[in-house]
Amino acid sequence: MRNGLCRDRSELFDSEDPADAAEAVALCQRCPALTQCREWADRLDRRHRPPGTIAARHYRPRGRDLQSV
């Protein structure tokens, strides 16, 4: 998303570190693109979601939802 707060912070959103994931979720929660991003993520097949934090949700590899906010 062009207006997403994650645009220049991919290392934070791709991290498996719980502190990074918490910071990524906090950024998502105040992001102007949250709704658009969440709609995009929800359209993806669970098996094809990239791991990491997307739209204030943290996903493990293989599409298993680790944390929803």
N, C-alpha and C. Protein backbone atom coordinates (compact mmCIF):
# COMPACT_ATOMS: atom_id res chain seq x y z
N MET A 1 0.84 -1.17 0.00
CA MET A 1 0.00 0.00 0.00
C MET A 1 0.89 1.24 0.00
N ARG A 2 0.64 2.11 -0.90
CA ARG A 2 1.47 3.31 -1.02
C ARG A 2 1.42 4.20 0.21
N ASN A 3 0.27 4.28 0.84
CA ASN A 3 0.14 5.15 2.01
C ASN A 3 0.28 4.39 3.32
N GLY A 4 0.72 3.14 3.25
CA GLY A 4 0.88 2.33 4.46
C GLY A 4 2.09 2.73 5.28
N LEU A 5 1.94 2.67 6.59
CA LEU A 5 3.05 2.99 7.49
C LEU A 5 4.15 1.93 7.42
N CYS A 6 3.85 0.79 6.84
CA CYS A 6 4.82 -0.30 6.72
C CYS A 6 5.74 -0.13 5.52
N ARG A 7 5.45 0.81 4.68
CA ARG A 7 6.12 0.95 3.38
C ARG A 7 7.64 0.85 3.47
N ASP A 8 8.25 1.48 4.41
CA ASP A 8 9.71 1.48 4.53
C ASP A 8 10.20 0.70 5.75
N ARG A 9 9.37 -0.19 6.26
CA ARG A 9 9.71 -0.92 7.49
C ARG A 9 9.56 -2.43 7.33
N SER A 10 9.86 -2.97 6.16
CA SER A 10 9.61 -4.39 5.91
C SER A 10 10.30 -5.31 6.91
N GLU A 11 11.48 -4.92 7.40
CA GLU A 11 12.19 -5.77 8.36
C GLU A 11 11.38 -5.97 9.63
N LEU A 12 10.60 -5.00 10.01
CA LEU A 12 9.77 -5.08 11.20
C LEU A 12 8.59 -6.02 10.98
N PHE A 13 7.99 -5.95 9.82
CA PHE A 13 6.79 -6.73 9.51
C PHE A 13 7.10 -8.17 9.12
N ASP A 14 8.34 -8.43 8.71
CA ASP A 14 8.76 -9.78 8.33
C ASP A 14 9.41 -10.53 9.48
N SER A 15 9.65 -9.87 10.58
CA SER A 15 10.38 -10.44 11.71
C SER A 15 9.55 -11.47 12.47
N GLU A 16 10.25 -12.47 13.01
CA GLU A 16 9.62 -13.46 13.89
C GLU A 16 9.76 -13.05 15.36
N ASP A 17 10.49 -11.99 15.63
CA ASP A 17 10.71 -11.52 17.00
C ASP A 17 9.40 -10.96 17.57
N PRO A 18 8.96 -11.42 18.74
CA PRO A 18 7.70 -10.94 19.32
C PRO A 18 7.66 -9.43 19.54
N ALA A 19 8.78 -8.82 19.91
CA ALA A 19 8.80 -7.36 20.12
C ALA A 19 8.59 -6.63 18.79
N ASP A 20 9.21 -7.13 17.72
CA ASP A 20 9.01 -6.52 16.41
C ASP A 20 7.56 -6.69 15.95
N ALA A 21 7.01 -7.88 16.18
CA ALA A 21 5.62 -8.13 15.79
C ALA A 21 4.68 -7.19 16.54
N ALA A 22 4.92 -6.97 17.82
CA ALA A 22 4.08 -6.06 18.61
C ALA A 22 4.18 -4.63 18.08
N GLU A 23 5.39 -4.21 17.71
CA GLU A 23 5.56 -2.86 17.16
C GLU A 23 4.87 -2.75 15.80
N ALA A 24 4.97 -3.80 14.99
CA ALA A 24 4.32 -3.80 13.68
C ALA A 24 2.80 -3.71 13.83
N VAL A 25 2.24 -4.47 14.76
CA VAL A 25 0.79 -4.44 15.01
C VAL A 25 0.37 -3.04 15.46
N ALA A 26 1.16 -2.42 16.32
CA ALA A 26 0.84 -1.06 16.79
C ALA A 26 0.85 -0.06 15.63
N LEU A 27 1.80 -0.19 14.70
CA LEU A 27 1.82 0.67 13.52
C LEU A 27 0.58 0.43 12.66
N CYS A 28 0.24 -0.83 12.47
CA CYS A 28 -0.95 -1.16 11.67
C CYS A 28 -2.21 -0.53 12.25
N GLN A 29 -2.34 -0.57 13.55
CA GLN A 29 -3.55 -0.09 14.19
C GLN A 29 -3.80 1.39 13.98
N ARG A 30 -2.75 2.14 13.67
CA ARG A 30 -2.96 3.57 13.40
C ARG A 30 -2.71 3.93 11.94
N CYS A 31 -2.62 2.94 11.09
CA CYS A 31 -2.30 3.13 9.68
C CYS A 31 -3.54 3.52 8.87
N PRO A 32 -3.43 4.50 7.97
CA PRO A 32 -4.56 4.88 7.14
C PRO A 32 -4.96 3.81 6.13
N ALA A 33 -4.07 2.84 5.88
CA ALA A 33 -4.36 1.79 4.89
C ALA A 33 -4.83 0.49 5.54
N LEU A 34 -5.10 0.49 6.84
CA LEU A 34 -5.44 -0.75 7.54
C LEU A 34 -6.62 -1.49 6.91
N THR A 35 -7.69 -0.82 6.63
CA THR A 35 -8.87 -1.49 6.07
C THR A 35 -8.55 -2.08 4.70
N GLN A 36 -7.90 -1.32 3.86
CA GLN A 36 -7.54 -1.79 2.53
C GLN A 36 -6.59 -2.99 2.61
N CYS A 37 -5.64 -2.91 3.49
CA CYS A 37 -4.67 -3.99 3.68
C CYS A 37 -5.36 -5.25 4.21
N ARG A 38 -6.24 -5.09 5.18
CA ARG A 38 -6.95 -6.23 5.75
C ARG A 38 -7.84 -6.90 4.70
N GLU A 39 -8.49 -6.11 3.87
CA GLU A 39 -9.31 -6.68 2.79
C GLU A 39 -8.45 -7.49 1.83
N TRP A 40 -7.26 -6.97 1.49
CA TRP A 40 -6.34 -7.69 0.61
C TRP A 40 -5.91 -9.01 1.26
N ALA A 41 -5.50 -8.97 2.51
CA ALA A 41 -5.05 -10.17 3.20
C ALA A 41 -6.17 -11.20 3.33
N ASP A 42 -7.38 -10.75 3.58
CA ASP A 42 -8.52 -11.66 3.72
C ASP A 42 -8.87 -12.36 2.41
N ARG A 43 -8.54 -11.74 1.29
CA ARG A 43 -8.82 -12.35 -0.01
C ARG A 43 -7.81 -13.44 -0.37
N LEU A 44 -6.66 -13.44 0.27
CA LEU A 44 -5.64 -14.44 -0.02
C LEU A 44 -6.01 -15.79 0.58
N ASP A 45 -5.73 -16.84 -0.15
CA ASP A 45 -5.87 -18.18 0.39
C ASP A 45 -4.90 -18.30 1.57
N ARG A 46 -5.33 -18.90 2.64
CA ARG A 46 -4.48 -19.02 3.84
C ARG A 46 -3.12 -19.61 3.53
N ARG A 47 -3.07 -20.53 2.58
CA ARG A 47 -1.79 -21.16 2.24
C ARG A 47 -0.86 -20.23 1.49
N HIS A 48 -1.38 -19.11 0.98
CA HIS A 48 -0.56 -18.19 0.20
C HIS A 48 -0.28 -16.87 0.90
N ARG A 49 -0.72 -16.73 2.13
CA ARG A 49 -0.41 -15.50 2.87
C ARG A 49 1.07 -15.51 3.24
N PRO A 50 1.74 -14.40 3.03
CA PRO A 50 3.14 -14.35 3.44
C PRO A 50 3.23 -14.33 4.97
N PRO A 51 4.27 -14.94 5.53
CA PRO A 51 4.43 -14.89 6.98
C PRO A 51 4.80 -13.49 7.43
N GLY A 52 4.48 -13.19 8.67
CA GLY A 52 4.79 -11.88 9.24
C GLY A 52 3.52 -11.15 9.62
N THR A 53 3.65 -9.86 9.83
CA THR A 53 2.52 -9.03 10.25
C THR A 53 1.88 -8.37 9.04
N ILE A 54 0.57 -8.58 8.92
CA ILE A 54 -0.22 -7.98 7.85
C ILE A 54 -1.52 -7.49 8.47
N ALA A 55 -1.81 -6.22 8.32
CA ALA A 55 -3.08 -5.65 8.78
C ALA A 55 -3.35 -5.93 10.26
N ALA A 56 -2.35 -5.74 11.08
CA ALA A 56 -2.43 -5.92 12.54
C ALA A 56 -2.66 -7.37 12.95
N ARG A 57 -2.33 -8.30 12.06
CA ARG A 57 -2.40 -9.73 12.36
C ARG A 57 -1.03 -10.31 12.07
N HIS A 58 -0.57 -11.22 12.92
CA HIS A 58 0.72 -11.85 12.69
C HIS A 58 0.49 -13.28 12.24
N TYR A 59 1.07 -13.63 11.09
CA TYR A 59 0.90 -14.96 10.50
C TYR A 59 2.20 -15.74 10.55
N ARG A 60 2.08 -17.00 10.87
CA ARG A 60 3.20 -17.92 10.81
C ARG A 60 3.33 -18.41 9.37
N PRO A 61 4.45 -19.00 9.03
CA PRO A 61 4.55 -19.66 7.72
C PRO A 61 3.46 -20.71 7.57
N ARG A 62 3.05 -20.96 6.36
CA ARG A 62 1.99 -21.91 6.01
C ARG A 62 0.61 -21.40 6.36
N GLY A 63 0.44 -20.10 6.56
CA GLY A 63 -0.88 -19.51 6.71
C GLY A 63 -1.57 -19.69 8.04
N ARG A 64 -0.88 -20.21 9.04
CA ARG A 64 -1.52 -20.38 10.35
C ARG A 64 -1.51 -19.05 11.08
N ASP A 65 -2.66 -18.61 11.48
CA ASP A 65 -2.81 -17.33 12.18
C ASP A 65 -2.21 -17.46 13.57
N LEU A 66 -1.21 -16.62 13.87
CA LEU A 66 -0.58 -16.66 15.18
C LEU A 66 -1.28 -15.72 16.15
N GLN A 67 -1.62 -14.53 15.66
CA GLN A 67 -2.22 -13.53 16.56
C GLN A 67 -3.14 -12.64 15.75
N SER A 68 -4.31 -12.43 16.24
CA SER A 68 -5.23 -11.47 15.63
C SER A 68 -5.49 -10.37 16.64
N VAL A 69 -5.56 -9.16 16.15
CA VAL A 69 -5.80 -8.01 17.02
C VAL A 69 -7.08 -7.34 16.58
